[in-house]
Amino acid sequence: MREATIYIEEDEDEFDSEEDLSLEIKRSVVEFVVKRFGLYSPGDIAKALNWKVREVNQVLKHLECAGRIKREKLGRTIIWTPVEDRHVSPMYY
């Protein structure tokens, strides 16, 4: 009798290319900054992360389309805020 050869399949990467991985990392970083520190303009985020404002705007628009953050107008300035969790309700004492 011959023993059956067992093949272990390698996990396929979730991201097809390095560019997709880079974009997902940028999304995570920008989302963390907005959720952790609150109201920021794209210029503020770009300055804090040492990125170009164009890169930050691109990532912010992706996050807005995904429903993870929202845009609000404060005077003439547009700021980005985290989307409030619907399942969390404040407790009043």
Protein backbone atom coordinates (compact mmCIF):
# COMPACT_ATOMS: atom_id res chain seq x y z
CA MET A 1 0.00 0.00 0.00
CA ARG A 2 1.14 3.50 -0.76
CA GLU A 3 0.58 6.36 1.61
CA ALA A 4 -1.37 9.33 0.34
CA THR A 5 0.60 12.52 0.05
CA ILE A 6 -0.89 15.34 2.07
CA TYR A 7 -0.69 18.75 0.50
CA ILE A 8 -0.98 21.75 2.75
CA GLU A 9 -2.42 24.70 0.93
CA GLU A 10 -0.82 28.02 1.61
CA ASP A 11 -3.12 30.78 2.73
CA GLU A 12 -3.76 33.15 -0.10
CA ASP A 13 -3.08 36.76 0.71
CA GLU A 14 -6.16 38.88 1.16
CA PHE A 15 -4.58 41.62 -0.93
CA ASP A 16 -3.73 41.10 -4.57
CA SER A 17 -0.87 43.55 -4.71
CA GLU A 18 1.40 45.64 -2.58
CA GLU A 19 -0.56 48.73 -3.59
CA ASP A 20 -3.80 47.30 -2.14
CA LEU A 21 -2.02 46.49 1.12
CA SER A 22 -0.53 49.98 1.26
CA LEU A 23 -3.95 51.58 0.72
CA GLU A 24 -5.54 49.40 3.42
CA ILE A 25 -2.80 50.36 5.88
CA LYS A 26 -3.33 54.04 5.08
CA ARG A 27 -7.07 53.66 5.61
CA SER A 28 -6.51 52.03 8.98
CA VAL A 29 -4.07 54.73 10.11
CA VAL A 30 -6.30 57.62 9.05
CA GLU A 31 -9.39 56.00 10.56
CA PHE A 32 -7.53 55.51 13.84
CA VAL A 33 -6.41 59.15 13.89
CA VAL A 34 -9.93 60.43 13.24
CA LYS A 35 -11.58 58.10 15.77
CA ARG A 36 -8.97 58.60 18.48
CA PHE A 37 -8.35 62.31 18.26
CA GLY A 38 -11.59 63.71 16.83
CA LEU A 39 -12.21 66.65 14.54
CA TYR A 40 -9.46 67.18 11.98
CA SER A 41 -9.14 68.77 8.60
CA PRO A 42 -7.24 66.92 5.85
CA GLY A 43 -4.38 69.40 6.21
CA ASP A 44 -4.03 68.62 9.91
CA ILE A 45 -3.99 64.88 9.27
CA ALA A 46 -1.45 65.26 6.47
CA LYS A 47 0.80 67.33 8.70
CA ALA A 48 0.58 64.85 11.57
CA LEU A 49 1.36 61.85 9.36
CA ASN A 50 3.84 63.68 7.11
CA TRP A 51 1.79 62.83 4.00
CA LYS A 52 0.52 64.90 1.12
CA VAL A 53 -2.95 66.39 1.49
CA ARG A 54 -3.98 64.73 -1.78
CA GLU A 55 -3.19 61.28 -0.33
CA VAL A 56 -5.15 62.03 2.82
CA ASN A 57 -8.17 63.27 0.83
CA GLN A 58 -8.16 60.09 -1.24
CA VAL A 59 -8.13 57.90 1.87
CA LEU A 60 -10.80 60.01 3.59
CA LYS A 61 -13.13 59.66 0.60
CA HIS A 62 -12.67 55.87 0.60
CA LEU A 63 -13.48 55.75 4.31
CA GLU A 64 -16.54 57.96 3.82
CA CYS A 65 -17.85 55.70 1.04
CA ALA A 66 -17.34 52.71 3.33
CA GLY A 67 -19.37 54.46 6.07
CA ARG A 68 -16.54 54.50 8.59
CA ILE A 69 -16.19 58.30 8.95
CA LYS A 70 -18.27 61.29 7.95
CA ARG A 71 -17.65 64.77 6.63
CA GLU A 72 -19.02 67.83 8.40
CA LYS A 73 -18.83 71.47 7.53
CA LEU A 74 -17.57 73.79 10.25
CA GLY A 75 -17.82 77.33 8.94
CA ARG A 76 -15.82 77.34 5.71
CA THR A 77 -13.75 74.34 6.72
CA ILE A 78 -14.61 70.70 6.15
CA ILE A 79 -13.69 68.42 9.03
CA TRP A 80 -13.87 64.66 9.40
CA THR A 81 -15.46 62.92 12.35
CA PRO A 82 -15.99 59.29 13.32
CA VAL A 83 -19.37 57.74 12.67
CA GLU A 84 -21.17 57.27 15.97
CA ASP A 85 -22.02 53.70 16.91
CA ARG A 86 -25.75 53.15 16.74
CA HIS A 87 -25.81 50.38 19.32
CA VAL A 88 -24.18 52.50 22.00
CA SER A 89 -26.55 54.72 23.88
CA PRO A 90 -25.53 57.17 26.59
CA MET A 91 -26.42 56.38 30.15
CA TYR A 92 -27.95 59.16 32.19
CA TYR A 93 -27.65 59.20 35.95
